[in-house]
């Protein structure tokens, strides 16, 4: 990765393999984010 960062003419993307523990942790974050998002968008939907 250091080599890629040193090269100015190279664009790169690194991916990570699926990880069951991270997916488990992500579920609660996704749920909270969806709840927060729906609370914020509800007044906008009602306006239209």
C-alpha atoms as a PDB file:
ATOM      1  CA  UNK A   1       0.000   0.000   0.000  1.00  0.00           C
ATOM      2  CA  UNK A   2       2.871   2.374   0.730  1.00  0.00           C
ATOM      3  CA  UNK A   3       4.114   1.907  -2.829  1.00  0.00           C
ATOM      4  CA  UNK A   4       0.703   2.841  -4.224  1.00  0.00           C
ATOM      5  CA  UNK A   5       0.597   5.979  -2.086  1.00  0.00           C
ATOM      6  CA  UNK A   6       4.059   6.996  -3.256  1.00  0.00           C
ATOM      7  CA  UNK A   7       3.121   6.665  -6.931  1.00  0.00           C
ATOM      8  CA  UNK A   8       1.321   9.784  -8.151  1.00  0.00           C
ATOM      9  CA  UNK A   9       0.017   8.216 -11.386  1.00  0.00           C
ATOM     10  CA  UNK A  10      -1.613   5.220  -9.730  1.00  0.00           C
ATOM     11  CA  UNK A  11      -5.183   5.018  -8.428  1.00  0.00           C
ATOM     12  CA  UNK A  12      -6.029   2.084  -6.233  1.00  0.00           C
ATOM     13  CA  UNK A  13      -8.790   0.442  -4.238  1.00  0.00           C
ATOM     14  CA  UNK A  14      -8.254  -2.154  -1.546  1.00  0.00           C
ATOM     15  CA  UNK A  15     -11.009  -4.512  -0.490  1.00  0.00           C
ATOM     16  CA  UNK A  16     -11.418  -6.626   2.585  1.00  0.00           C
ATOM     17  CA  UNK A  17     -12.811 -10.120   2.740  1.00  0.00           C
ATOM     18  CA  UNK A  18     -16.193 -10.548   4.390  1.00  0.00           C
ATOM     19  CA  UNK A  19     -15.840 -10.825   8.150  1.00  0.00           C
ATOM     20  CA  UNK A  20     -18.669 -12.330  10.224  1.00  0.00           C
ATOM     21  CA  UNK A  21     -17.736 -10.352  13.354  1.00  0.00           C
ATOM     22  CA  UNK A  22     -17.692  -7.023  11.497  1.00  0.00           C
ATOM     23  CA  UNK A  23     -21.004  -7.827   9.808  1.00  0.00           C
ATOM     24  CA  UNK A  24     -22.509  -8.553  13.229  1.00  0.00           C
ATOM     25  CA  UNK A  25     -21.262  -5.227  14.585  1.00  0.00           C
ATOM     26  CA  UNK A  26     -22.500  -3.440  11.496  1.00  0.00           C
ATOM     27  CA  UNK A  27     -26.094  -4.604  11.940  1.00  0.00           C
ATOM     28  CA  UNK A  28     -26.711  -2.443  15.006  1.00  0.00           C
ATOM     29  CA  UNK A  29     -25.059   0.555  13.355  1.00  0.00           C
ATOM     30  CA  UNK A  30     -27.163   0.121  10.229  1.00  0.00           C
ATOM     31  CA  UNK A  31     -30.333  -0.177  12.298  1.00  0.00           C
ATOM     32  CA  UNK A  32     -29.589   2.987  14.277  1.00  0.00           C
ATOM     33  CA  UNK A  33     -28.674   4.860  11.099  1.00  0.00           C
ATOM     34  CA  UNK A  34     -31.897   3.811   9.379  1.00  0.00           C
ATOM     35  CA  UNK A  35     -33.949   4.878  12.425  1.00  0.00           C
ATOM     36  CA  UNK A  36     -32.221   8.241  12.598  1.00  0.00           C
ATOM     37  CA  UNK A  37     -32.585   8.767   8.871  1.00  0.00           C
ATOM     38  CA  UNK A  38     -36.287   7.954   8.846  1.00  0.00           C
ATOM     39  CA  UNK A  39     -36.896  10.353  11.758  1.00  0.00           C
ATOM     40  CA  UNK A  40     -35.128  13.151   9.905  1.00  0.00           C
ATOM     41  CA  UNK A  41     -36.832  12.550   6.576  1.00  0.00           C
ATOM     42  CA  UNK A  42     -40.385  12.169   7.933  1.00  0.00           C
ATOM     43  CA  UNK A  43     -41.002  15.947   8.249  1.00  0.00           C
ATOM     44  CA  UNK A  44     -39.719  16.451   4.711  1.00  0.00           C
ATOM     45  CA  UNK A  45     -42.051  13.768   3.342  1.00  0.00           C
ATOM     46  CA  UNK A  46     -44.977  15.276   5.221  1.00  0.00           C
ATOM     47  CA  UNK A  47     -44.152  18.702   3.801  1.00  0.00           C
ATOM     48  CA  UNK A  48     -44.502  17.459   0.233  1.00  0.00           C
END
